[in-house]
């Protein structure tokens, strides 16, 4: 199993369904990778086409199937769910890097915009140390 660091560049979104009846949305993103969760800044007043250009770092293994990005609209009382994008990670483990790409944002199984994300995976180097010098469970003495 390969372990390493996942870097996510959250660029922006386009064509999001506006959840505010009056004025523009204040969207933010919640990135979830298994049990790790990180939140972007709020793009105040940016409405349906926010830009973040923020980088997030996760420690993962290659058996993590996807990155989930939930888009929310910050409100005074309770935040509204805008939609979610699922980003498959298997192609990333093969390529090592994926340039910023648009992914569909979905809510209730319906398309509601796109989000642009860049990905990079840096495998953790394994240091075997003394194990390389072991012979049958015994180390050779000098």
C-alpha atoms as a PDB file:
ATOM      1  CA  UNK A   1       0.000   0.000   0.000  1.00  0.00           C
ATOM      2  CA  UNK A   2       1.347   3.396  -0.982  1.00  0.00           C
ATOM      3  CA  UNK A   3       1.015   6.262   1.460  1.00  0.00           C
ATOM      4  CA  UNK A   4       1.690   9.888   0.777  1.00  0.00           C
ATOM      5  CA  UNK A   5       0.551  13.462   0.583  1.00  0.00           C
ATOM      6  CA  UNK A   6      -2.390  14.690  -1.456  1.00  0.00           C
ATOM      7  CA  UNK A   7      -2.302  18.349  -2.432  1.00  0.00           C
ATOM      8  CA  UNK A   8      -5.557  19.861  -3.622  1.00  0.00           C
ATOM      9  CA  UNK A   9      -5.674  23.213  -5.389  1.00  0.00           C
ATOM     10  CA  UNK A  10      -9.209  24.563  -5.080  1.00  0.00           C
ATOM     11  CA  UNK A  11      -9.376  27.060  -7.943  1.00  0.00           C
ATOM     12  CA  UNK A  12     -13.031  28.088  -8.151  1.00  0.00           C
ATOM     13  CA  UNK A  13     -16.524  27.194  -9.311  1.00  0.00           C
ATOM     14  CA  UNK A  14     -18.826  28.246 -12.140  1.00  0.00           C
ATOM     15  CA  UNK A  15     -22.561  28.248 -12.674  1.00  0.00           C
ATOM     16  CA  UNK A  16     -23.561  27.218  -9.151  1.00  0.00           C
ATOM     17  CA  UNK A  17     -27.258  27.366  -8.333  1.00  0.00           C
ATOM     18  CA  UNK A  18     -27.795  30.475  -6.226  1.00  0.00           C
ATOM     19  CA  UNK A  19     -29.395  29.502  -2.906  1.00  0.00           C
ATOM     20  CA  UNK A  20     -29.966  33.115  -1.825  1.00  0.00           C
ATOM     21  CA  UNK A  21     -33.217  34.765  -2.875  1.00  0.00           C
ATOM     22  CA  UNK A  22     -31.871  38.271  -2.247  1.00  0.00           C
ATOM     23  CA  UNK A  23     -28.297  39.087  -3.245  1.00  0.00           C
ATOM     24  CA  UNK A  24     -25.341  36.835  -3.943  1.00  0.00           C
ATOM     25  CA  UNK A  25     -24.279  33.669  -2.195  1.00  0.00           C
ATOM     26  CA  UNK A  26     -21.246  33.546   0.078  1.00  0.00           C
ATOM     27  CA  UNK A  27     -19.914  30.116  -0.916  1.00  0.00           C
ATOM     28  CA  UNK A  28     -17.234  28.035   0.755  1.00  0.00           C
ATOM     29  CA  UNK A  29     -16.030  24.480   0.245  1.00  0.00           C
ATOM     30  CA  UNK A  30     -15.580  21.610   2.675  1.00  0.00           C
ATOM     31  CA  UNK A  31     -13.034  19.071   1.412  1.00  0.00           C
ATOM     32  CA  UNK A  32     -13.361  15.572   2.856  1.00  0.00           C
ATOM     33  CA  UNK A  33     -10.867  12.768   2.386  1.00  0.00           C
ATOM     34  CA  UNK A  34     -11.930   9.772   4.516  1.00  0.00           C
ATOM     35  CA  UNK A  35     -11.874  11.130   8.077  1.00  0.00           C
ATOM     36  CA  UNK A  36      -9.923  14.310   7.287  1.00  0.00           C
ATOM     37  CA  UNK A  37     -11.911  17.475   6.688  1.00  0.00           C
ATOM     38  CA  UNK A  38     -10.759  20.975   5.732  1.00  0.00           C
ATOM     39  CA  UNK A  39     -12.681  24.156   4.978  1.00  0.00           C
ATOM     40  CA  UNK A  40     -11.911  26.902   2.478  1.00  0.00           C
ATOM     41  CA  UNK A  41     -12.346  30.573   3.143  1.00  0.00           C
ATOM     42  CA  UNK A  42     -15.736  32.111   2.382  1.00  0.00           C
ATOM     43  CA  UNK A  43     -15.942  33.836  -1.000  1.00  0.00           C
ATOM     44  CA  UNK A  44     -18.112  36.664   0.340  1.00  0.00           C
ATOM     45  CA  UNK A  45     -20.592  38.024  -2.176  1.00  0.00           C
ATOM     46  CA  UNK A  46     -19.054  36.048  -5.069  1.00  0.00           C
ATOM     47  CA  UNK A  47     -22.340  34.325  -5.895  1.00  0.00           C
ATOM     48  CA  UNK A  48     -22.422  31.527  -8.481  1.00  0.00           C
ATOM     49  CA  UNK A  49     -18.834  31.968  -9.732  1.00  0.00           C
ATOM     50  CA  UNK A  50     -16.525  32.040  -6.681  1.00  0.00           C
ATOM     51  CA  UNK A  51     -12.730  31.864  -6.809  1.00  0.00           C
ATOM     52  CA  UNK A  52     -10.570  30.626  -3.960  1.00  0.00           C
ATOM     53  CA  UNK A  53      -7.129  29.620  -5.291  1.00  0.00           C
ATOM     54  CA  UNK A  54      -6.362  27.822  -2.023  1.00  0.00           C
ATOM     55  CA  UNK A  55      -4.245  24.726  -1.441  1.00  0.00           C
ATOM     56  CA  UNK A  56      -5.099  21.948   1.006  1.00  0.00           C
ATOM     57  CA  UNK A  57      -2.897  19.040   2.117  1.00  0.00           C
ATOM     58  CA  UNK A  58      -4.073  15.582   3.209  1.00  0.00           C
ATOM     59  CA  UNK A  59      -2.119  12.506   4.301  1.00  0.00           C
ATOM     60  CA  UNK A  60      -3.580   9.497   2.503  1.00  0.00           C
ATOM     61  CA  UNK A  61      -3.017   5.981   1.202  1.00  0.00           C
ATOM     62  CA  UNK A  62      -3.706   4.762  -2.310  1.00  0.00           C
ATOM     63  CA  UNK A  63      -6.804   2.863  -1.206  1.00  0.00           C
ATOM     64  CA  UNK A  64      -8.696   6.153  -0.755  1.00  0.00           C
ATOM     65  CA  UNK A  65     -11.173   6.098  -3.659  1.00  0.00           C
ATOM     66  CA  UNK A  66     -12.224   9.746  -3.837  1.00  0.00           C
ATOM     67  CA  UNK A  67     -12.118  13.266  -2.539  1.00  0.00           C
ATOM     68  CA  UNK A  68     -15.488  14.802  -1.698  1.00  0.00           C
ATOM     69  CA  UNK A  69     -15.999  18.553  -2.024  1.00  0.00           C
ATOM     70  CA  UNK A  70     -19.178  19.930  -0.472  1.00  0.00           C
ATOM     71  CA  UNK A  71     -20.135  23.451  -1.451  1.00  0.00           C
ATOM     72  CA  UNK A  72     -21.995  25.495   1.109  1.00  0.00           C
ATOM     73  CA  UNK A  73     -23.497  28.998   1.254  1.00  0.00           C
ATOM     74  CA  UNK A  74     -22.631  30.875   4.425  1.00  0.00           C
ATOM     75  CA  UNK A  75     -25.715  32.470   6.005  1.00  0.00           C
ATOM     76  CA  UNK A  76     -26.409  34.234   9.284  1.00  0.00           C
ATOM     77  CA  UNK A  77     -28.707  31.532  10.665  1.00  0.00           C
ATOM     78  CA  UNK A  78     -27.751  28.221   9.058  1.00  0.00           C
ATOM     79  CA  UNK A  79     -25.581  27.488   6.040  1.00  0.00           C
ATOM     80  CA  UNK A  80     -27.228  26.101   2.896  1.00  0.00           C
ATOM     81  CA  UNK A  81     -25.997  23.040   1.021  1.00  0.00           C
ATOM     82  CA  UNK A  82     -25.258  24.073  -2.589  1.00  0.00           C
ATOM     83  CA  UNK A  83     -24.015  20.761  -3.997  1.00  0.00           C
ATOM     84  CA  UNK A  84     -21.218  18.212  -3.957  1.00  0.00           C
ATOM     85  CA  UNK A  85     -18.493  16.989  -6.294  1.00  0.00           C
ATOM     86  CA  UNK A  86     -16.828  13.586  -6.037  1.00  0.00           C
ATOM     87  CA  UNK A  87     -13.285  13.565  -7.415  1.00  0.00           C
ATOM     88  CA  UNK A  88     -11.915  10.072  -8.190  1.00  0.00           C
ATOM     89  CA  UNK A  89      -8.324   9.649  -6.989  1.00  0.00           C
ATOM     90  CA  UNK A  90      -7.277   6.466  -8.823  1.00  0.00           C
ATOM     91  CA  UNK A  91      -6.131   8.371 -11.967  1.00  0.00           C
ATOM     92  CA  UNK A  92      -4.055  10.624  -9.702  1.00  0.00           C
ATOM     93  CA  UNK A  93      -2.198   7.677  -8.165  1.00  0.00           C
ATOM     94  CA  UNK A  94      -1.260   6.536 -11.685  1.00  0.00           C
ATOM     95  CA  UNK A  95      -0.310   9.980 -13.051  1.00  0.00           C
ATOM     96  CA  UNK A  96       1.036  11.719  -9.928  1.00  0.00           C
ATOM     97  CA  UNK A  97      -0.480  15.064 -10.959  1.00  0.00           C
ATOM     98  CA  UNK A  98      -3.699  16.244 -12.582  1.00  0.00           C
ATOM     99  CA  UNK A  99      -3.865  19.824 -13.869  1.00  0.00           C
ATOM    100  CA  UNK A 100      -6.846  21.917 -12.742  1.00  0.00           C
ATOM    101  CA  UNK A 101      -9.932  20.179 -14.131  1.00  0.00           C
ATOM    102  CA  UNK A 102     -13.657  20.896 -13.962  1.00  0.00           C
ATOM    103  CA  UNK A 103     -15.841  18.420 -12.031  1.00  0.00           C
ATOM    104  CA  UNK A 104     -19.632  18.406 -11.926  1.00  0.00           C
ATOM    105  CA  UNK A 105     -21.365  19.647  -8.796  1.00  0.00           C
ATOM    106  CA  UNK A 106     -24.500  17.652  -8.044  1.00  0.00           C
ATOM    107  CA  UNK A 107     -27.427  18.151  -5.667  1.00  0.00           C
ATOM    108  CA  UNK A 108     -30.262  15.617  -5.426  1.00  0.00           C
ATOM    109  CA  UNK A 109     -28.748  13.783  -8.424  1.00  0.00           C
ATOM    110  CA  UNK A 110     -29.060  16.915 -10.583  1.00  0.00           C
ATOM    111  CA  UNK A 111     -26.288  18.992 -12.124  1.00  0.00           C
ATOM    112  CA  UNK A 112     -25.940  22.373 -10.419  1.00  0.00           C
ATOM    113  CA  UNK A 113     -22.586  23.770 -11.556  1.00  0.00           C
ATOM    114  CA  UNK A 114     -18.900  22.929 -11.838  1.00  0.00           C
ATOM    115  CA  UNK A 115     -15.860  23.167  -9.609  1.00  0.00           C
ATOM    116  CA  UNK A 116     -12.254  23.467 -10.787  1.00  0.00           C
ATOM    117  CA  UNK A 117      -9.655  21.474  -8.854  1.00  0.00           C
ATOM    118  CA  UNK A 118      -6.000  20.566  -9.400  1.00  0.00           C
ATOM    119  CA  UNK A 119      -4.446  17.513  -7.713  1.00  0.00           C
ATOM    120  CA  UNK A 120      -0.963  16.248  -6.906  1.00  0.00           C
ATOM    121  CA  UNK A 121       0.118  13.080  -5.073  1.00  0.00           C
ATOM    122  CA  UNK A 122       3.546  12.713  -3.490  1.00  0.00           C
ATOM    123  CA  UNK A 123       4.291   9.131  -2.359  1.00  0.00           C
ATOM    124  CA  UNK A 124       5.903   8.782   1.034  1.00  0.00           C
ATOM    125  CA  UNK A 125       9.427   7.480   0.745  1.00  0.00           C
ATOM    126  CA  UNK A 126       9.968   4.324   2.715  1.00  0.00           C
ATOM    127  CA  UNK A 127      13.184   4.079   4.684  1.00  0.00           C
ATOM    128  CA  UNK A 128      14.078   0.528   5.516  1.00  0.00           C
ATOM    129  CA  UNK A 129      17.114   1.409   7.611  1.00  0.00           C
ATOM    130  CA  UNK A 130      18.772  -1.636   9.133  1.00  0.00           C
ATOM    131  CA  UNK A 131      16.410  -4.106   7.467  1.00  0.00           C
ATOM    132  CA  UNK A 132      18.442  -3.853   4.247  1.00  0.00           C
ATOM    133  CA  UNK A 133      21.487  -5.124   6.113  1.00  0.00           C
ATOM    134  CA  UNK A 134      19.681  -7.950   7.895  1.00  0.00           C
ATOM    135  CA  UNK A 135      20.656 -11.489   6.986  1.00  0.00           C
ATOM    136  CA  UNK A 136      18.189 -14.154   8.048  1.00  0.00           C
ATOM    137  CA  UNK A 137      17.135 -12.122  11.059  1.00  0.00           C
ATOM    138  CA  UNK A 138      20.740 -11.520  12.170  1.00  0.00           C
ATOM    139  CA  UNK A 139      22.916  -8.534  11.406  1.00  0.00           C
ATOM    140  CA  UNK A 140      26.496  -9.124  10.433  1.00  0.00           C
ATOM    141  CA  UNK A 141      28.920  -7.810  13.033  1.00  0.00           C
ATOM    142  CA  UNK A 142      31.911  -5.695  12.062  1.00  0.00           C
END
